[in-house]
Amino acid sequence: MYKIIQVDKIESQYLNQRIIEGLKKMNGRINTNNYEELFVALKDSSIEGFGISWTNSNHPTAKYIDFCSAIPIPQLMERLLKYSAPHNKVILSCWEDEIDKIEIAKESGFSVFRKTYIERYSIKYIINRLQATPIPHTGYSLRDVLKDARLTEDLFHLLKYNYEQTHLANEAKDISWELWREKLLSDNPDLDLSYIIVNDNQISAYIFLHKTEDCHYEVGWMGKRRHVDILPGLLKKQLIDLEAEGIQTVEFEIDTTDYFAYEFFEILDLKNKNSWVSFILKNEYSLVQEKV
């Protein structure tokens, strides 16, 4: 029989040796107090498992959880699955090769709602894959667009709409386009190499780039108006310009729920890549609702 207790920290000297690696993966969140709940499963004086929950202000109706145990501990999952308003769903994510965790998630009633691929490529490789793709000729830098008040508002209205539409399973907090502008700019996009397509005085597409290392960039948010088929050509233009600047590699984060980024699934050859799998538990009869 296990005793489940809520704690403020985990005393590693009492850990079952089989779950030490699991604790290392969560130490960042624990050490910075970036969590809502922290539970341990005790058997005698040994910690046989632990679970953690946290929230995300950008997606305020979800409770996020993670756990680690040497063997399945149903009592631990039961505590983690308790929720109260405003939460109406629980989300658990792990790598697709974490078979034991996935089995526990499925047994607890979770289902997959998204897969995320995070991969780094040489710029030369991607340009070669886009060899036959034409480059658009109506592009502007983010810096240029920000100088035009009307285009700026149009851009961030489109960004807000596209993000919300690609996160319907775990709805985003409704904030103004001005706050979306602040959110993007606080993430330090490259103002000159983040490109925007403008047609008929309207934003048609965008791809934001972020420099993270001397010779490496990350591809950030991308999107378009539905009737425009232009993102591959826009990316090709950016990669050519990055290469001219001496940048060697670029990283993509592709969600299967993001139909804009998913256009690059085949180009990036992601079929056999390892994915970060997100599970959701949204059935009100499967959740253990706390009285408030």
Protein backbone atom coordinates (compact mmCIF):
# COMPACT_ATOMS: atom_id res chain seq x y z
CA MET A 1 0.00 0.00 0.00
CA TYR A 2 1.30 3.42 -0.99
CA LYS A 3 0.82 6.63 0.95
CA ILE A 4 0.35 9.69 -1.30
CA ILE A 5 1.38 12.97 0.29
CA GLN A 6 1.79 16.50 -1.04
CA VAL A 7 5.24 18.02 -0.53
CA ASP A 8 7.19 21.19 -1.33
CA LYS A 9 10.34 19.40 -2.46
CA ILE A 10 11.63 15.87 -3.01
CA GLU A 11 14.36 14.46 -0.79
CA SER A 12 16.47 12.59 -3.34
CA GLN A 13 18.15 10.37 -0.74
CA TYR A 14 14.82 8.56 -0.23
CA LEU A 15 14.21 7.94 -3.93
CA ASN A 16 13.96 4.51 -5.43
CA GLN A 17 17.04 4.33 -7.67
CA ARG A 18 14.86 3.48 -10.67
CA ILE A 19 13.25 6.94 -10.72
CA ILE A 20 16.27 9.19 -10.16
CA GLU A 21 16.55 9.98 -13.89
CA GLY A 22 12.89 10.95 -13.95
CA LEU A 23 13.47 13.46 -11.17
CA LYS A 24 16.37 15.03 -13.07
CA LYS A 25 14.00 15.81 -15.97
CA MET A 26 11.63 17.69 -13.65
CA ASN A 27 14.19 19.38 -11.39
CA GLY A 28 14.12 22.62 -13.37
CA ARG A 29 10.42 23.09 -12.71
CA ILE A 30 10.69 21.95 -9.09
CA ASN A 31 13.74 24.05 -8.22
CA THR A 32 12.13 27.22 -9.60
CA ASN A 33 8.80 26.50 -7.87
CA ASN A 34 7.11 26.51 -11.27
CA TYR A 35 4.40 24.06 -10.28
CA GLU A 36 1.02 23.90 -8.56
CA GLU A 37 1.17 20.50 -6.87
CA LEU A 38 3.94 18.05 -6.03
CA PHE A 39 3.10 14.57 -4.73
CA VAL A 40 5.21 11.61 -3.65
CA ALA A 41 4.16 7.98 -3.30
CA LEU A 42 5.71 6.46 -0.20
CA LYS A 43 6.15 2.81 0.62
CA ASP A 44 7.71 2.44 4.04
CA SER A 45 10.34 5.21 3.92
CA SER A 46 11.10 4.94 0.19
CA ILE A 47 9.76 7.32 -2.48
CA GLU A 48 8.49 4.95 -5.17
CA GLY A 49 6.96 7.60 -7.41
CA PHE A 50 6.17 11.29 -7.71
CA GLY A 51 3.81 13.48 -9.68
CA ILE A 52 3.69 17.16 -10.50
CA SER A 53 1.11 19.56 -11.93
CA TRP A 54 1.31 23.08 -13.29
CA THR A 55 -0.70 25.61 -15.27
CA ASN A 56 -0.15 27.75 -18.36
CA SER A 57 -1.55 31.27 -18.44
CA ASN A 58 -1.78 31.10 -22.24
CA HIS A 59 -4.10 28.08 -22.01
CA PRO A 60 -5.94 28.68 -18.74
CA THR A 61 -8.49 25.86 -18.87
CA ALA A 62 -5.93 23.03 -18.79
CA LYS A 63 -4.14 21.37 -15.92
CA TYR A 64 -0.76 19.94 -16.98
CA ILE A 65 0.74 16.91 -15.27
CA ASP A 66 3.76 14.64 -15.34
CA PHE A 67 4.79 11.70 -13.20
CA CYS A 68 7.43 9.07 -12.69
CA SER A 69 7.22 5.75 -10.87
CA ALA A 70 9.01 2.43 -10.91
CA ILE A 71 5.68 0.65 -11.41
CA PRO A 72 2.16 2.01 -12.07
CA ILE A 73 0.68 3.61 -8.92
CA PRO A 74 -3.05 4.24 -9.47
CA GLN A 75 -3.39 6.26 -6.25
CA LEU A 76 -0.78 8.74 -7.54
CA MET A 77 -2.64 9.23 -10.82
CA GLU A 78 -5.90 9.65 -8.94
CA ARG A 79 -4.45 12.59 -7.01
CA LEU A 80 -2.99 14.16 -10.15
CA LEU A 81 -6.29 13.92 -12.00
CA LYS A 82 -8.23 15.94 -9.45
CA TYR A 83 -9.07 19.37 -10.80
CA SER A 84 -11.09 22.48 -10.04
CA ALA A 85 -12.33 25.47 -12.04
CA PRO A 86 -11.26 26.99 -14.35
CA HIS A 87 -9.70 23.70 -15.48
CA ASN A 88 -11.80 21.32 -17.56
CA LYS A 89 -9.08 19.09 -18.99
CA VAL A 90 -5.79 17.45 -18.04
CA ILE A 91 -2.81 17.31 -20.40
CA LEU A 92 0.17 14.98 -20.24
CA SER A 93 3.08 15.01 -22.71
CA CYS A 94 6.04 12.70 -23.24
CA TRP A 95 8.30 11.33 -25.96
CA GLU A 96 6.71 8.60 -28.06
CA ASP A 97 9.33 6.07 -26.94
CA GLU A 98 8.30 6.43 -23.27
CA ILE A 99 6.19 3.30 -23.60
CA ASP A 100 5.44 2.73 -19.92
CA LYS A 101 4.18 6.28 -19.39
CA ILE A 102 2.04 6.08 -22.51
CA GLU A 103 0.47 2.82 -21.32
CA ILE A 104 -0.43 4.41 -17.97
CA ALA A 105 -1.87 7.44 -19.77
CA LYS A 106 -4.07 5.26 -21.98
CA GLU A 107 -5.21 3.16 -19.03
CA SER A 108 -6.20 6.39 -17.26
CA GLY A 109 -8.41 7.43 -20.18
CA PHE A 110 -6.11 9.85 -22.00
CA SER A 111 -6.08 10.07 -25.79
CA VAL A 112 -3.56 11.62 -28.18
CA PHE A 113 -4.49 15.04 -29.50
CA ARG A 114 -1.19 16.34 -30.85
CA LYS A 115 2.29 15.28 -31.88
CA THR A 116 5.19 17.73 -32.02
CA TYR A 117 8.38 17.26 -34.03
CA ILE A 118 11.45 19.28 -33.06
CA GLU A 119 14.32 18.86 -35.50
CA ARG A 120 17.45 20.72 -36.60
CA TYR A 121 18.57 20.76 -40.25
CA SER A 122 21.35 22.19 -42.33
CA ILE A 123 20.08 25.12 -44.37
CA LYS A 124 21.62 23.64 -47.52
CA TYR A 125 19.53 20.48 -47.06
CA ILE A 126 16.22 22.36 -46.83
CA ILE A 127 17.03 24.68 -49.72
CA ASN A 128 17.75 21.62 -51.84
CA ARG A 129 14.39 20.12 -50.85
CA LEU A 130 12.73 23.39 -51.96
CA GLN A 131 14.66 23.60 -55.21
CA ALA A 132 11.59 23.68 -57.45
CA THR A 133 9.64 26.08 -55.23
CA PRO A 134 9.24 29.65 -56.60
CA ILE A 135 10.08 32.60 -54.37
CA PRO A 136 7.39 35.28 -53.84
CA HIS A 137 8.20 38.87 -54.77
CA THR A 138 5.89 40.78 -52.43
CA GLY A 139 7.74 40.24 -49.16
CA TYR A 140 8.50 42.78 -46.46
CA SER A 141 10.55 42.51 -43.31
CA LEU A 142 8.85 42.56 -39.92
CA ARG A 143 10.71 45.81 -39.28
CA ASP A 144 9.06 47.40 -42.32
CA VAL A 145 5.57 46.17 -41.42
CA LEU A 146 5.88 47.51 -37.86
CA LYS A 147 6.34 51.00 -39.31
CA ASP A 148 2.83 50.87 -40.79
CA ALA A 149 0.11 51.00 -38.12
CA ARG A 150 -2.61 49.49 -40.29
CA LEU A 151 -0.47 46.59 -41.51
CA THR A 152 0.76 45.99 -37.96
CA GLU A 153 -2.79 45.63 -36.68
CA ASP A 154 -3.69 43.37 -39.61
CA LEU A 155 -0.65 41.16 -38.97
CA PHE A 156 -1.39 40.60 -35.31
CA HIS A 157 -5.10 40.09 -35.85
CA LEU A 158 -4.14 37.33 -38.31
CA LEU A 159 -1.54 35.86 -35.92
CA LYS A 160 -4.10 35.84 -33.08
CA TYR A 161 -6.77 34.19 -35.26
CA ASN A 162 -4.42 31.55 -36.68
CA TYR A 163 -3.02 30.61 -33.27
CA GLU A 164 -6.51 30.25 -31.81
CA GLN A 165 -7.69 28.11 -34.74
CA THR A 166 -4.72 25.75 -34.44
CA HIS A 167 -5.24 25.31 -30.68
CA LEU A 168 -8.92 24.41 -30.53
CA ALA A 169 -8.36 21.25 -28.46
CA ASN A 170 -6.69 23.30 -25.72
CA GLU A 171 -8.12 26.75 -26.28
CA ALA A 172 -5.92 29.82 -25.98
CA LYS A 173 -6.62 32.74 -23.66
CA ASP A 174 -8.47 35.50 -25.50
CA ILE A 175 -6.17 38.52 -25.54
CA SER A 176 -5.98 41.63 -27.71
CA TRP A 177 -3.92 41.93 -30.86
CA GLU A 178 -1.78 44.49 -29.03
CA LEU A 179 -0.82 41.85 -26.46
CA TRP A 180 -0.01 39.45 -29.28
CA ARG A 181 2.36 42.07 -30.63
CA GLU A 182 4.03 42.34 -27.21
CA LYS A 183 4.22 38.55 -26.94
CA LEU A 184 5.99 38.20 -30.28
CA LEU A 185 8.38 41.10 -29.80
CA SER A 186 9.34 39.93 -26.30
CA ASP A 187 10.57 36.71 -27.93
CA ASN A 188 13.15 38.70 -29.93
CA PRO A 189 12.30 37.82 -33.52
CA ASP A 190 14.80 38.85 -36.17
CA LEU A 191 13.18 42.05 -37.40
CA ASP A 192 14.99 41.95 -40.74
CA LEU A 193 14.78 38.25 -41.60
CA SER A 194 11.24 37.59 -40.37
CA TYR A 195 9.27 38.05 -43.57
CA ILE A 196 5.70 39.10 -44.23
CA ILE A 197 3.81 38.79 -47.53
CA VAL A 198 1.50 41.69 -48.34
CA ASN A 199 -1.01 41.49 -51.20
CA ASP A 200 -3.56 44.21 -51.98
CA ASN A 201 -2.61 46.06 -48.79
CA GLN A 202 -3.45 43.00 -46.69
CA ILE A 203 -1.21 40.55 -44.81
CA SER A 204 -1.24 37.24 -46.68
CA ALA A 205 1.46 35.21 -44.89
CA TYR A 206 4.23 35.43 -42.32
CA ILE A 207 7.14 33.40 -40.95
CA PHE A 208 9.05 34.65 -37.91
CA LEU A 209 12.69 33.71 -37.32
CA HIS A 210 14.63 33.79 -34.05
CA LYS A 211 18.41 33.73 -33.67
CA THR A 212 19.40 31.42 -30.81
CA GLU A 213 23.08 30.72 -31.54
CA ASP A 214 25.80 32.37 -33.63
CA CYS A 215 25.17 30.17 -36.66
CA HIS A 216 21.71 28.84 -35.83
CA TYR A 217 18.10 30.08 -36.08
CA GLU A 218 14.74 28.73 -35.00
CA VAL A 219 11.62 29.00 -37.15
CA GLY A 220 8.86 30.49 -35.02
CA TRP A 221 5.18 31.15 -35.68
CA MET A 222 4.06 30.93 -39.26
CA GLY A 223 0.69 31.38 -40.87
CA LYS A 224 -1.30 32.65 -43.81
CA ARG A 225 -4.76 33.38 -45.09
CA ARG A 226 -6.36 30.12 -46.14
CA HIS A 227 -6.52 30.83 -49.88
CA VAL A 228 -2.79 31.61 -50.19
CA ASP A 229 -0.26 28.89 -51.08
CA ILE A 230 2.97 30.69 -50.35
CA LEU A 231 4.68 29.49 -47.15
CA PRO A 232 7.26 27.13 -48.77
CA GLY A 233 8.43 29.89 -51.12
CA LEU A 234 8.61 32.39 -48.27
CA LEU A 235 10.71 29.99 -46.20
CA LYS A 236 13.01 29.36 -49.17
CA LYS A 237 13.65 33.10 -49.46
CA GLN A 238 14.45 33.31 -45.75
CA LEU A 239 16.82 30.35 -45.87
CA ILE A 240 18.71 31.77 -48.84
CA ASP A 241 19.13 35.05 -46.96
CA LEU A 242 20.17 33.23 -43.78
CA GLU A 243 22.80 31.30 -45.72
CA ALA A 244 24.11 34.57 -47.16
CA GLU A 245 24.54 35.78 -43.55
CA GLY A 246 26.66 32.73 -42.70
CA ILE A 247 23.93 30.86 -40.81
CA GLN A 248 24.37 27.10 -41.11
CA THR A 249 21.44 25.41 -39.36
CA VAL A 250 17.78 25.99 -38.60
CA GLU A 251 15.35 24.31 -36.21
CA PHE A 252 11.67 23.60 -36.76
CA GLU A 253 8.91 22.81 -34.28
CA ILE A 254 6.03 21.21 -36.16
CA ASP A 255 2.72 20.46 -34.45
CA THR A 256 0.29 18.11 -36.15
CA THR A 257 -2.54 20.44 -35.05
CA ASP A 258 -0.91 23.41 -36.80
CA TYR A 259 -1.97 23.01 -40.41
CA PHE A 260 0.33 25.86 -41.49
CA ALA A 261 3.53 24.35 -40.11
CA TYR A 262 2.34 20.87 -41.08
CA GLU A 263 2.72 21.87 -44.74
CA PHE A 264 6.44 21.19 -44.17
CA PHE A 265 5.97 17.65 -42.82
CA GLU A 266 7.08 15.93 -46.03
CA ILE A 267 9.72 18.52 -46.91
CA LEU A 268 11.33 17.94 -43.51
CA ASP A 269 10.93 14.15 -43.82
CA LEU A 270 9.42 13.84 -40.35
CA LYS A 271 7.63 10.52 -40.85
CA ASN A 272 10.26 8.46 -39.02
CA LYS A 273 11.34 11.11 -36.49
CA ASN A 274 10.68 10.81 -32.78
CA SER A 275 7.79 12.99 -31.64
CA TRP A 276 6.70 14.67 -28.42
CA VAL A 277 3.18 13.29 -27.88
CA SER A 278 0.50 15.24 -26.03
CA PHE A 279 -2.43 13.42 -24.43
CA ILE A 280 -5.68 14.95 -23.23
CA LEU A 281 -8.28 13.81 -20.72
CA LYS A 282 -11.43 15.82 -21.26
CA ASN A 283 -14.28 13.48 -20.33
CA GLU A 284 -15.96 14.98 -17.28
CA TYR A 285 -16.88 11.50 -16.06
CA SER A 286 -13.23 10.39 -16.15
CA LEU A 287 -11.94 13.33 -14.14
CA VAL A 288 -12.18 13.42 -10.37
CA GLN A 289 -13.66 16.85 -9.73
CA GLU A 290 -12.89 18.51 -6.43
CA LYS A 291 -15.61 20.36 -4.55
CA VAL A 292 -14.86 24.07 -4.23
